[in-house]
């Protein structure tokens, strides 16, 4: 499985290989480690998942 994160402002794509199926909390932690650590908060984060996924993502993101 490959997690794809696209930064439309600088036109970069991050392709992160995952060895197992990842949950919302895993996506948030990977995002913090790979993107947030380098560029801080982005203006907009668009997730193509359901509301439950988005809620868990933001809970983990804001807690860390």
PDB file of N, CA and C in Angstrom:
ATOM      1  N   UNK A   1       0.850  -1.160   0.000  1.00  0.00           N
ATOM      2  CA  UNK A   1       0.000   0.000   0.000  1.00  0.00           C
ATOM      3  C   UNK A   1       0.905   1.235   0.000  1.00  0.00           C
ATOM      4  N   UNK A   2       0.514   2.237  -0.737  1.00  0.00           N
ATOM      5  CA  UNK A   2       1.271   3.482  -0.819  1.00  0.00           C
ATOM      6  C   UNK A   2       0.361   4.635  -0.391  1.00  0.00           C
ATOM      7  N   UNK A   3       0.836   5.411   0.577  1.00  0.00           N
ATOM      8  CA  UNK A   3       0.131   6.607   1.016  1.00  0.00           C
ATOM      9  C   UNK A   3       0.651   7.766   0.171  1.00  0.00           C
ATOM     10  N   UNK A   4      -0.241   8.501  -0.467  1.00  0.00           N
ATOM     11  CA  UNK A   4       0.146   9.620  -1.321  1.00  0.00           C
ATOM     12  C   UNK A   4      -0.312  10.917  -0.661  1.00  0.00           C
ATOM     13  N   UNK A   5       0.626  11.818  -0.466  1.00  0.00           N
ATOM     14  CA  UNK A   5       0.340  13.152   0.062  1.00  0.00           C
ATOM     15  C   UNK A   5       0.824  14.146  -0.982  1.00  0.00           C
ATOM     16  N   UNK A   6      -0.068  15.022  -1.437  1.00  0.00           N
ATOM     17  CA  UNK A   6       0.258  15.983  -2.485  1.00  0.00           C
ATOM     18  C   UNK A   6       0.232  17.388  -1.896  1.00  0.00           C
ATOM     19  N   UNK A   7       1.299  18.129  -2.133  1.00  0.00           N
ATOM     20  CA  UNK A   7       1.376  19.534  -1.753  1.00  0.00           C
ATOM     21  C   UNK A   7       1.175  20.347  -3.025  1.00  0.00           C
ATOM     22  N   UNK A   8       0.002  20.927  -3.168  1.00  0.00           N
ATOM     23  CA  UNK A   8      -0.334  21.638  -4.397  1.00  0.00           C
ATOM     24  C   UNK A   8       0.402  22.972  -4.521  1.00  0.00           C
ATOM     25  N   UNK A   9       0.824  23.556  -3.393  1.00  0.00           N
ATOM     26  CA  UNK A   9       1.496  24.846  -3.432  1.00  0.00           C
ATOM     27  C   UNK A   9       2.869  24.736  -4.091  1.00  0.00           C
ATOM     28  N   UNK A  10       3.677  23.802  -3.642  1.00  0.00           N
ATOM     29  CA  UNK A  10       5.015  23.663  -4.215  1.00  0.00           C
ATOM     30  C   UNK A  10       5.090  22.532  -5.236  1.00  0.00           C
ATOM     31  N   UNK A  11       3.944  21.928  -5.512  1.00  0.00           N
ATOM     32  CA  UNK A  11       3.835  20.879  -6.532  1.00  0.00           C
ATOM     33  C   UNK A  11       4.776  19.697  -6.242  1.00  0.00           C
ATOM     34  N   UNK A  12       4.678  19.207  -5.019  1.00  0.00           N
ATOM     35  CA  UNK A  12       5.435  18.033  -4.597  1.00  0.00           C
ATOM     36  C   UNK A  12       4.481  16.916  -4.242  1.00  0.00           C
ATOM     37  N   UNK A  13       4.921  15.717  -4.455  1.00  0.00           N
ATOM     38  CA  UNK A  13       4.166  14.549  -4.032  1.00  0.00           C
ATOM     39  C   UNK A  13       5.026  13.710  -3.101  1.00  0.00           C
ATOM     40  N   UNK A  14       4.432  13.225  -2.055  1.00  0.00           N
ATOM     41  CA  UNK A  14       5.115  12.347  -1.114  1.00  0.00           C
ATOM     42  C   UNK A  14       4.490  10.971  -1.260  1.00  0.00           C
ATOM     43  N   UNK A  15       5.279   9.999  -1.607  1.00  0.00           N
ATOM     44  CA  UNK A  15       4.816   8.630  -1.783  1.00  0.00           C
ATOM     45  C   UNK A  15       5.462   7.794  -0.690  1.00  0.00           C
ATOM     46  N   UNK A  16       4.645   7.369   0.257  1.00  0.00           N
ATOM     47  CA  UNK A  16       5.152   6.681   1.438  1.00  0.00           C
ATOM     48  C   UNK A  16       4.670   5.239   1.403  1.00  0.00           C
ATOM     49  N   UNK A  17       5.601   4.317   1.372  1.00  0.00           N
ATOM     50  CA  UNK A  17       5.277   2.896   1.317  1.00  0.00           C
ATOM     51  C   UNK A  17       4.891   2.422   2.713  1.00  0.00           C
ATOM     52  N   UNK A  18       3.756   1.768   2.802  1.00  0.00           N
ATOM     53  CA  UNK A  18       3.272   1.219   4.070  1.00  0.00           C
ATOM     54  C   UNK A  18       3.217  -0.298   3.939  1.00  0.00           C
ATOM     55  N   UNK A  19       3.682  -0.991   4.960  1.00  0.00           N
ATOM     56  CA  UNK A  19       3.749  -2.445   4.889  1.00  0.00           C
ATOM     57  C   UNK A  19       2.454  -3.127   5.294  1.00  0.00           C
ATOM     58  N   UNK A  20       1.513  -2.354   5.812  1.00  0.00           N
ATOM     59  CA  UNK A  20       0.237  -2.922   6.225  1.00  0.00           C
ATOM     60  C   UNK A  20      -0.857  -1.893   5.972  1.00  0.00           C
ATOM     61  N   UNK A  21      -2.078  -2.301   6.172  1.00  0.00           N
ATOM     62  CA  UNK A  21      -3.186  -1.364   6.046  1.00  0.00           C
ATOM     63  C   UNK A  21      -3.094  -0.364   7.185  1.00  0.00           C
ATOM     64  N   UNK A  22      -3.230   0.914   6.876  1.00  0.00           N
ATOM     65  CA  UNK A  22      -3.069   1.946   7.897  1.00  0.00           C
ATOM     66  C   UNK A  22      -4.410   2.569   8.247  1.00  0.00           C
ATOM     67  N   UNK A  23      -4.529   2.967   9.487  1.00  0.00           N
ATOM     68  CA  UNK A  23      -5.741   3.602   9.994  1.00  0.00           C
ATOM     69  C   UNK A  23      -5.538   5.113  10.044  1.00  0.00           C
ATOM     70  N   UNK A  24      -6.586   5.826  10.421  1.00  0.00           N
ATOM     71  CA  UNK A  24      -6.521   7.286  10.470  1.00  0.00           C
ATOM     72  C   UNK A  24      -5.429   7.764  11.414  1.00  0.00           C
ATOM     73  N   UNK A  25      -5.284   7.109  12.556  1.00  0.00           N
ATOM     74  CA  UNK A  25      -4.250   7.538  13.503  1.00  0.00           C
ATOM     75  C   UNK A  25      -2.856   7.335  12.918  1.00  0.00           C
ATOM     76  N   UNK A  26      -2.685   6.278  12.114  1.00  0.00           N
ATOM     77  CA  UNK A  26      -1.402   6.042  11.462  1.00  0.00           C
ATOM     78  C   UNK A  26      -1.119   7.099  10.402  1.00  0.00           C
ATOM     79  N   UNK A  27      -2.144   7.475   9.654  1.00  0.00           N
ATOM     80  CA  UNK A  27      -1.990   8.512   8.627  1.00  0.00           C
ATOM     81  C   UNK A  27      -1.599   9.832   9.283  1.00  0.00           C
ATOM     82  N   UNK A  28      -2.231  10.163  10.402  1.00  0.00           N
ATOM     83  CA  UNK A  28      -1.898  11.407  11.107  1.00  0.00           C
ATOM     84  C   UNK A  28      -0.454  11.389  11.587  1.00  0.00           C
ATOM     85  N   UNK A  29      -0.018  10.277  12.139  1.00  0.00           N
ATOM     86  CA  UNK A  29       1.364  10.186  12.639  1.00  0.00           C
ATOM     87  C   UNK A  29       2.378  10.253  11.494  1.00  0.00           C
ATOM     88  N   UNK A  30       2.066   9.592  10.394  1.00  0.00           N
ATOM     89  CA  UNK A  30       2.955   9.651   9.226  1.00  0.00           C
ATOM     90  C   UNK A  30       2.999  11.072   8.675  1.00  0.00           C
ATOM     91  N   UNK A  31       1.853  11.727   8.606  1.00  0.00           N
ATOM     92  CA  UNK A  31       1.798  13.110   8.125  1.00  0.00           C
ATOM     93  C   UNK A  31       2.643  14.021   9.010  1.00  0.00           C
ATOM     94  N   UNK A  32       2.529  13.864  10.319  1.00  0.00           N
ATOM     95  CA  UNK A  32       3.307  14.687  11.244  1.00  0.00           C
ATOM     96  C   UNK A  32       4.796  14.434  11.052  1.00  0.00           C
ATOM     97  N   UNK A  33       5.178  13.171  10.924  1.00  0.00           N
ATOM     98  CA  UNK A  33       6.592  12.809  10.801  1.00  0.00           C
ATOM     99  C   UNK A  33       7.189  13.244   9.462  1.00  0.00           C
ATOM    100  N   UNK A  34       6.461  13.049   8.368  1.00  0.00           N
ATOM    101  CA  UNK A  34       7.015  13.267   7.030  1.00  0.00           C
ATOM    102  C   UNK A  34       6.796  14.674   6.476  1.00  0.00           C
ATOM    103  N   UNK A  35       5.660  15.281   6.754  1.00  0.00           N
ATOM    104  CA  UNK A  35       5.328  16.575   6.135  1.00  0.00           C
ATOM    105  C   UNK A  35       5.365  17.717   7.149  1.00  0.00           C
ATOM    106  N   UNK A  36       4.649  17.571   8.232  1.00  0.00           N
ATOM    107  CA  UNK A  36       4.544  18.641   9.225  1.00  0.00           C
ATOM    108  C   UNK A  36       5.912  18.988   9.812  1.00  0.00           C
ATOM    109  N   UNK A  37       6.755  17.996  10.027  1.00  0.00           N
ATOM    110  CA  UNK A  37       8.082  18.240  10.593  1.00  0.00           C
ATOM    111  C   UNK A  37       8.936  19.107   9.666  1.00  0.00           C
ATOM    112  N   UNK A  38       8.716  19.022   8.385  1.00  0.00           N
ATOM    113  CA  UNK A  38       9.508  19.795   7.419  1.00  0.00           C
ATOM    114  C   UNK A  38       8.923  21.167   7.119  1.00  0.00           C
ATOM    115  N   UNK A  39       7.608  21.238   6.969  1.00  0.00           N
ATOM    116  CA  UNK A  39       6.982  22.466   6.459  1.00  0.00           C
ATOM    117  C   UNK A  39       6.003  23.124   7.415  1.00  0.00           C
ATOM    118  N   UNK A  40       5.813  22.538   8.586  1.00  0.00           N
ATOM    119  CA  UNK A  40       4.813  22.998   9.562  1.00  0.00           C
ATOM    120  C   UNK A  40       3.416  22.836   8.973  1.00  0.00           C
ATOM    121  N   UNK A  41       2.457  23.581   9.479  1.00  0.00           N
ATOM    122  CA  UNK A  41       1.070  23.388   9.066  1.00  0.00           C
ATOM    123  C   UNK A  41       0.841  23.923   7.646  1.00  0.00           C
ATOM    124  N   UNK A  42       0.109  23.187   6.886  1.00  0.00           N
ATOM    125  CA  UNK A  42      -0.267  23.633   5.551  1.00  0.00           C
ATOM    126  C   UNK A  42      -1.580  24.402   5.640  1.00  0.00           C
ATOM    127  N   UNK A  43      -1.881  25.168   4.616  1.00  0.00           N
ATOM    128  CA  UNK A  43      -3.102  25.972   4.622  1.00  0.00           C
ATOM    129  C   UNK A  43      -4.356  25.118   4.614  1.00  0.00           C
ATOM    130  N   UNK A  44      -4.298  24.014   3.907  1.00  0.00           N
ATOM    131  CA  UNK A  44      -5.497  23.208   3.735  1.00  0.00           C
ATOM    132  C   UNK A  44      -5.098  21.733   3.658  1.00  0.00           C
ATOM    133  N   UNK A  45      -5.844  20.900   4.348  1.00  0.00           N
ATOM    134  CA  UNK A  45      -5.647  19.458   4.252  1.00  0.00           C
ATOM    135  C   UNK A  45      -6.951  18.863   3.749  1.00  0.00           C
ATOM    136  N   UNK A  46      -6.891  18.183   2.621  1.00  0.00           N
ATOM    137  CA  UNK A  46      -8.079  17.571   2.022  1.00  0.00           C
ATOM    138  C   UNK A  46      -7.944  16.059   2.138  1.00  0.00           C
ATOM    139  N   UNK A  47      -8.906  15.446   2.772  1.00  0.00           N
ATOM    140  CA  UNK A  47      -8.912  13.993   2.934  1.00  0.00           C
ATOM    141  C   UNK A  47     -10.079  13.420   2.152  1.00  0.00           C
ATOM    142  N   UNK A  48      -9.834  12.336   1.448  1.00  0.00           N
ATOM    143  CA  UNK A  48     -10.897  11.730   0.643  1.00  0.00           C
ATOM    144  C   UNK A  48     -11.516  10.525   1.358  1.00  0.00           C
ATOM    145  N   UNK A  49     -11.688  10.645   2.650  1.00  0.00           N
ATOM    146  CA  UNK A  49     -12.259   9.559   3.446  1.00  0.00           C
ATOM    147  C   UNK A  49     -13.568  10.012   4.076  1.00  0.00           C
ATOM    148  N   UNK A  50     -14.189   9.109   4.825  1.00  0.00           N
ATOM    149  CA  UNK A  50     -15.457   9.446   5.469  1.00  0.00           C
ATOM    150  C   UNK A  50     -15.231  10.296   6.720  1.00  0.00           C
ATOM    151  N   UNK A  51     -16.303  10.761   7.314  1.00  0.00           N
ATOM    152  CA  UNK A  51     -16.246  11.673   8.446  1.00  0.00           C
ATOM    153  C   UNK A  51     -15.563  11.050   9.654  1.00  0.00           C
ATOM    154  N   UNK A  52     -15.783   9.772   9.907  1.00  0.00           N
ATOM    155  CA  UNK A  52     -15.147   9.109  11.054  1.00  0.00           C
ATOM    156  C   UNK A  52     -13.631   9.122  10.925  1.00  0.00           C
ATOM    157  N   UNK A  53     -13.132   8.865   9.736  1.00  0.00           N
ATOM    158  CA  UNK A  53     -11.689   8.896   9.472  1.00  0.00           C
ATOM    159  C   UNK A  53     -11.140  10.288   9.732  1.00  0.00           C
ATOM    160  N   UNK A  54     -11.825  11.301   9.231  1.00  0.00           N
ATOM    161  CA  UNK A  54     -11.375  12.685   9.371  1.00  0.00           C
ATOM    162  C   UNK A  54     -11.344  13.104  10.839  1.00  0.00           C
ATOM    163  N   UNK A  55     -12.351  12.707  11.611  1.00  0.00           N
ATOM    164  CA  UNK A  55     -12.398  13.053  13.035  1.00  0.00           C
ATOM    165  C   UNK A  55     -11.214  12.438  13.772  1.00  0.00           C
ATOM    166  N   UNK A  56     -10.928  11.170  13.535  1.00  0.00           N
ATOM    167  CA  UNK A  56      -9.803  10.506  14.199  1.00  0.00           C
ATOM    168  C   UNK A  56      -8.482  11.141  13.764  1.00  0.00           C
ATOM    169  N   UNK A  57      -8.346  11.437  12.471  1.00  0.00           N
ATOM    170  CA  UNK A  57      -7.134  12.096  11.970  1.00  0.00           C
ATOM    171  C   UNK A  57      -6.877  13.388  12.726  1.00  0.00           C
ATOM    172  N   UNK A  58      -7.895  14.246  12.832  1.00  0.00           N
ATOM    173  CA  UNK A  58      -7.704  15.540  13.495  1.00  0.00           C
ATOM    174  C   UNK A  58      -7.486  15.381  14.987  1.00  0.00           C
ATOM    175  N   UNK A  59      -8.118  14.411  15.622  1.00  0.00           N
ATOM    176  CA  UNK A  59      -7.890  14.177  17.061  1.00  0.00           C
ATOM    177  C   UNK A  59      -6.426  13.840  17.322  1.00  0.00           C
ATOM    178  N   UNK A  60      -5.877  12.944  16.520  1.00  0.00           N
ATOM    179  CA  UNK A  60      -4.472  12.549  16.692  1.00  0.00           C
ATOM    180  C   UNK A  60      -3.551  13.696  16.317  1.00  0.00           C
ATOM    181  N   UNK A  61      -3.851  14.374  15.225  1.00  0.00           N
ATOM    182  CA  UNK A  61      -3.010  15.486  14.764  1.00  0.00           C
ATOM    183  C   UNK A  61      -2.932  16.584  15.816  1.00  0.00           C
ATOM    184  N   UNK A  62      -4.054  16.959  16.398  1.00  0.00           N
ATOM    185  CA  UNK A  62      -4.075  18.033  17.373  1.00  0.00           C
ATOM    186  C   UNK A  62      -3.522  17.606  18.727  1.00  0.00           C
ATOM    187  N   UNK A  63      -3.560  16.315  19.012  1.00  0.00           N
ATOM    188  CA  UNK A  63      -3.051  15.831  20.297  1.00  0.00           C
ATOM    189  C   UNK A  63      -1.526  15.767  20.313  1.00  0.00           C
ATOM    190  N   UNK A  64      -0.915  15.638  19.153  1.00  0.00           N
ATOM    191  CA  UNK A  64       0.558  15.476  19.112  1.00  0.00           C
ATOM    192  C   UNK A  64       1.267  16.768  18.821  1.00  0.00           C
TER     193      UNK A  64
END
